Amino acid sequence: MDSKSTDDLKQELMSDSDIDSYIKENESYFVDRSVTEMLTGFYERRNMTKSQLAQRSCMSEIYLHQIFSGRRKPSRDKILCLCIGMDLSIEDTQRLLKEASFAQLYPRIRREAIIYHGIVHHTPLNEINDKLFEADEKALF
């Protein structure tokens, strides 16, 4: 099977007048991993307990377990907290946000720039939150 880039798929979407045929022809290219599966994959590569992750992500263990079991769908800010708690790279964070159907971090927005900088420089979540507060921006938790 030939591989299609995202740009190839966009081109087909724009030129194909029948969405049903587009979906049928491109079914194998759709992302079908859930946020829970992606988070679990990232978590399993970390050397930490769920208790440690909950603490580093500033959320309760109960809420964390609900996310990982698929019973709760985390908000964009909760996903960012988990990414920071797991010390994910900016690339993995952006990919997770995108595949969870949330906007990626956009450095032209002050709040987003502070979060982006914190992720790139491995800043603990509490320190990122303090910086957001100092800048009169909405905190992550």
C-alpha atoms as a PDB file:
ATOM      1  CA  MET A   1       0.000   0.000   0.000  1.00  0.00           C
ATOM      2  CA  ASP A   2       1.300   3.441  -0.911  1.00  0.00           C
ATOM      3  CA  SER A   3       1.659   5.940   1.869  1.00  0.00           C
ATOM      4  CA  LYS A   4      -0.214   9.223   1.639  1.00  0.00           C
ATOM      5  CA  SER A   5       0.921  12.391   3.345  1.00  0.00           C
ATOM      6  CA  THR A   6      -1.483  14.670   5.163  1.00  0.00           C
ATOM      7  CA  ASP A   7      -1.143  17.103   2.254  1.00  0.00           C
ATOM      8  CA  ASP A   8      -2.145  14.336  -0.180  1.00  0.00           C
ATOM      9  CA  LEU A   9      -5.218  13.594   1.914  1.00  0.00           C
ATOM     10  CA  LYS A  10      -6.114  17.304   2.071  1.00  0.00           C
ATOM     11  CA  GLN A  11      -5.866  17.562  -1.711  1.00  0.00           C
ATOM     12  CA  GLU A  12      -8.146  14.568  -2.172  1.00  0.00           C
ATOM     13  CA  LEU A  13     -10.617  15.985   0.328  1.00  0.00           C
ATOM     14  CA  MET A  14     -10.779  19.271  -1.551  1.00  0.00           C
ATOM     15  CA  SER A  15     -11.203  17.642  -4.947  1.00  0.00           C
ATOM     16  CA  ASP A  16     -13.518  14.754  -4.032  1.00  0.00           C
ATOM     17  CA  SER A  17     -17.180  15.780  -3.985  1.00  0.00           C
ATOM     18  CA  ASP A  18     -18.306  12.549  -2.300  1.00  0.00           C
ATOM     19  CA  ILE A  19     -17.202  12.250   1.326  1.00  0.00           C
ATOM     20  CA  ASP A  20     -18.349   8.628   1.543  1.00  0.00           C
ATOM     21  CA  SER A  21     -16.012   7.483  -1.234  1.00  0.00           C
ATOM     22  CA  TYR A  22     -13.163   9.516   0.278  1.00  0.00           C
ATOM     23  CA  ILE A  23     -13.661   7.847   3.658  1.00  0.00           C
ATOM     24  CA  LYS A  24     -13.900   4.377   2.136  1.00  0.00           C
ATOM     25  CA  GLU A  25     -10.765   4.840   0.009  1.00  0.00           C
ATOM     26  CA  ASN A  26      -8.699   6.326   2.845  1.00  0.00           C
ATOM     27  CA  GLU A  27      -9.893   4.359   5.870  1.00  0.00           C
ATOM     28  CA  SER A  28      -6.426   2.951   6.544  1.00  0.00           C
ATOM     29  CA  TYR A  29      -4.927   6.447   6.862  1.00  0.00           C
ATOM     30  CA  PHE A  30      -7.216   7.671   9.644  1.00  0.00           C
ATOM     31  CA  VAL A  31      -5.832   7.993  13.143  1.00  0.00           C
ATOM     32  CA  ASP A  32      -7.752   5.634  15.354  1.00  0.00           C
ATOM     33  CA  ARG A  33      -5.818   5.670  18.595  1.00  0.00           C
ATOM     34  CA  SER A  34      -7.709   7.154  21.498  1.00  0.00           C
ATOM     35  CA  VAL A  35      -6.274   9.758  23.838  1.00  0.00           C
ATOM     36  CA  THR A  36      -6.276   7.075  26.529  1.00  0.00           C
ATOM     37  CA  GLU A  37      -4.170   4.755  24.377  1.00  0.00           C
ATOM     38  CA  MET A  38      -1.719   7.515  23.522  1.00  0.00           C
ATOM     39  CA  LEU A  39      -1.375   8.610  27.152  1.00  0.00           C
ATOM     40  CA  THR A  40      -0.885   4.995  28.204  1.00  0.00           C
ATOM     41  CA  GLY A  41       1.836   4.550  25.576  1.00  0.00           C
ATOM     42  CA  PHE A  42       3.692   7.633  26.805  1.00  0.00           C
ATOM     43  CA  TYR A  43       3.221   6.656  30.456  1.00  0.00           C
ATOM     44  CA  GLU A  44       4.558   3.124  29.922  1.00  0.00           C
ATOM     45  CA  ARG A  45       7.843   4.587  28.641  1.00  0.00           C
ATOM     46  CA  ARG A  46       8.273   6.593  31.851  1.00  0.00           C
ATOM     47  CA  ASN A  47       9.847   5.286  35.014  1.00  0.00           C
ATOM     48  CA  MET A  48       7.172   6.494  37.446  1.00  0.00           C
ATOM     49  CA  THR A  49       4.137   5.266  39.274  1.00  0.00           C
ATOM     50  CA  LYS A  50       0.653   6.609  38.636  1.00  0.00           C
ATOM     51  CA  SER A  51       0.813   8.154  42.085  1.00  0.00           C
ATOM     52  CA  GLN A  52       3.954  10.063  41.083  1.00  0.00           C
ATOM     53  CA  LEU A  53       2.349  11.098  37.796  1.00  0.00           C
ATOM     54  CA  ALA A  54      -0.752  12.366  39.598  1.00  0.00           C
ATOM     55  CA  GLN A  55       1.425  14.405  41.933  1.00  0.00           C
ATOM     56  CA  ARG A  56       3.596  15.808  39.117  1.00  0.00           C
ATOM     57  CA  SER A  57       0.453  16.597  37.066  1.00  0.00           C
ATOM     58  CA  CYS A  58      -1.291  18.245  40.057  1.00  0.00           C
ATOM     59  CA  MET A  59      -4.374  16.062  39.885  1.00  0.00           C
ATOM     60  CA  SER A  60      -5.951  13.462  42.122  1.00  0.00           C
ATOM     61  CA  GLU A  61      -5.082   9.814  41.648  1.00  0.00           C
ATOM     62  CA  ILE A  62      -8.774   9.019  41.270  1.00  0.00           C
ATOM     63  CA  TYR A  63      -9.149  11.477  38.378  1.00  0.00           C
ATOM     64  CA  LEU A  64      -5.929  10.168  36.794  1.00  0.00           C
ATOM     65  CA  HIS A  65      -7.185   6.571  36.956  1.00  0.00           C
ATOM     66  CA  GLN A  66     -10.489   7.652  35.401  1.00  0.00           C
ATOM     67  CA  ILE A  67      -8.589   9.205  32.487  1.00  0.00           C
ATOM     68  CA  PHE A  68      -6.434   6.111  31.980  1.00  0.00           C
ATOM     69  CA  SER A  69      -9.453   3.804  32.180  1.00  0.00           C
ATOM     70  CA  GLY A  70     -11.274   5.889  29.563  1.00  0.00           C
ATOM     71  CA  ARG A  71     -14.091   6.897  31.921  1.00  0.00           C
ATOM     72  CA  ARG A  72     -13.123  10.591  31.796  1.00  0.00           C
ATOM     73  CA  LYS A  73     -12.109  12.660  28.799  1.00  0.00           C
ATOM     74  CA  PRO A  74      -9.472  15.167  29.886  1.00  0.00           C
ATOM     75  CA  SER A  75      -9.690  18.828  28.925  1.00  0.00           C
ATOM     76  CA  ARG A  76      -6.915  20.467  26.920  1.00  0.00           C
ATOM     77  CA  ASP A  77      -5.397  21.914  30.115  1.00  0.00           C
ATOM     78  CA  LYS A  78      -5.505  18.513  31.849  1.00  0.00           C
ATOM     79  CA  ILE A  79      -3.720  16.958  28.869  1.00  0.00           C
ATOM     80  CA  LEU A  80      -1.085  19.686  29.120  1.00  0.00           C
ATOM     81  CA  CYS A  81      -0.717  18.959  32.847  1.00  0.00           C
ATOM     82  CA  LEU A  82      -0.201  15.258  32.067  1.00  0.00           C
ATOM     83  CA  CYS A  83       2.323  16.046  29.332  1.00  0.00           C
ATOM     84  CA  ILE A  84       4.277  18.263  31.716  1.00  0.00           C
ATOM     85  CA  GLY A  85       3.967  15.658  34.482  1.00  0.00           C
ATOM     86  CA  MET A  86       5.394  12.985  32.167  1.00  0.00           C
ATOM     87  CA  ASP A  87       8.064  15.425  30.915  1.00  0.00           C
ATOM     88  CA  LEU A  88       7.055  14.849  27.287  1.00  0.00           C
ATOM     89  CA  SER A  89       8.815  16.674  24.492  1.00  0.00           C
ATOM     90  CA  ILE A  90       7.099  19.577  22.789  1.00  0.00           C
ATOM     91  CA  GLU A  91       6.696  17.395  19.692  1.00  0.00           C
ATOM     92  CA  ASP A  92       4.916  14.637  21.616  1.00  0.00           C
ATOM     93  CA  THR A  93       2.783  17.214  23.422  1.00  0.00           C
ATOM     94  CA  GLN A  94       1.735  18.867  20.160  1.00  0.00           C
ATOM     95  CA  ARG A  95       0.967  15.485  18.572  1.00  0.00           C
ATOM     96  CA  LEU A  96      -1.146  14.418  21.544  1.00  0.00           C
ATOM     97  CA  LEU A  97      -3.089  17.689  21.501  1.00  0.00           C
ATOM     98  CA  LYS A  98      -3.680  17.387  17.772  1.00  0.00           C
ATOM     99  CA  GLU A  99      -4.832  13.776  17.886  1.00  0.00           C
ATOM    100  CA  ALA A 100      -7.114  14.599  20.828  1.00  0.00           C
ATOM    101  CA  SER A 101      -8.768  17.222  18.576  1.00  0.00           C
ATOM    102  CA  PHE A 102      -7.446  20.147  20.590  1.00  0.00           C
ATOM    103  CA  ALA A 103      -5.509  23.132  19.299  1.00  0.00           C
ATOM    104  CA  GLN A 104      -1.762  22.792  19.455  1.00  0.00           C
ATOM    105  CA  LEU A 105       0.191  25.288  21.527  1.00  0.00           C
ATOM    106  CA  TYR A 106       0.510  28.556  19.606  1.00  0.00           C
ATOM    107  CA  PRO A 107       3.527  30.679  20.642  1.00  0.00           C
ATOM    108  CA  ARG A 108       1.952  33.949  19.442  1.00  0.00           C
ATOM    109  CA  ILE A 109      -0.413  33.806  22.432  1.00  0.00           C
ATOM    110  CA  ARG A 110       1.265  34.842  25.695  1.00  0.00           C
ATOM    111  CA  ARG A 111      -0.310  32.068  27.813  1.00  0.00           C
ATOM    112  CA  GLU A 112       0.601  29.462  25.227  1.00  0.00           C
ATOM    113  CA  ALA A 113       4.160  30.822  24.909  1.00  0.00           C
ATOM    114  CA  ILE A 114       4.672  30.458  28.671  1.00  0.00           C
ATOM    115  CA  ILE A 115       3.430  26.853  28.592  1.00  0.00           C
ATOM    116  CA  TYR A 116       5.442  26.060  25.446  1.00  0.00           C
ATOM    117  CA  HIS A 117       8.617  27.488  27.011  1.00  0.00           C
ATOM    118  CA  GLY A 118       8.016  25.490  30.178  1.00  0.00           C
ATOM    119  CA  ILE A 119       7.639  22.240  28.258  1.00  0.00           C
ATOM    120  CA  VAL A 120      10.736  22.869  26.126  1.00  0.00           C
ATOM    121  CA  HIS A 121      12.817  23.718  29.208  1.00  0.00           C
ATOM    122  CA  HIS A 122      11.415  20.883  31.393  1.00  0.00           C
ATOM    123  CA  THR A 123       9.971  23.307  33.944  1.00  0.00           C
ATOM    124  CA  PRO A 124       7.880  21.710  36.702  1.00  0.00           C
ATOM    125  CA  LEU A 125       4.142  22.319  36.459  1.00  0.00           C
ATOM    126  CA  ASN A 126       3.999  24.404  39.650  1.00  0.00           C
ATOM    127  CA  GLU A 127       6.602  26.795  38.253  1.00  0.00           C
ATOM    128  CA  ILE A 128       4.757  27.101  34.926  1.00  0.00           C
ATOM    129  CA  ASN A 129       1.567  27.846  36.850  1.00  0.00           C
ATOM    130  CA  ASP A 130       3.359  30.487  38.936  1.00  0.00           C
ATOM    131  CA  LYS A 131       4.646  32.145  35.771  1.00  0.00           C
ATOM    132  CA  LEU A 132       1.131  32.122  34.291  1.00  0.00           C
ATOM    133  CA  PHE A 133      -0.199  33.746  37.464  1.00  0.00           C
ATOM    134  CA  GLU A 134       2.556  36.414  37.388  1.00  0.00           C
ATOM    135  CA  ALA A 135       1.645  37.194  33.778  1.00  0.00           C
ATOM    136  CA  ASP A 136      -2.034  37.474  34.749  1.00  0.00           C
ATOM    137  CA  GLU A 137      -2.882  34.448  32.596  1.00  0.00           C
ATOM    138  CA  LYS A 138      -5.228  31.543  33.362  1.00  0.00           C
ATOM    139  CA  ALA A 139      -3.469  28.817  35.340  1.00  0.00           C
ATOM    140  CA  LEU A 140      -3.371  25.224  34.105  1.00  0.00           C
ATOM    141  CA  PHE A 141      -4.835  23.861  37.342  1.00  0.00           C
END
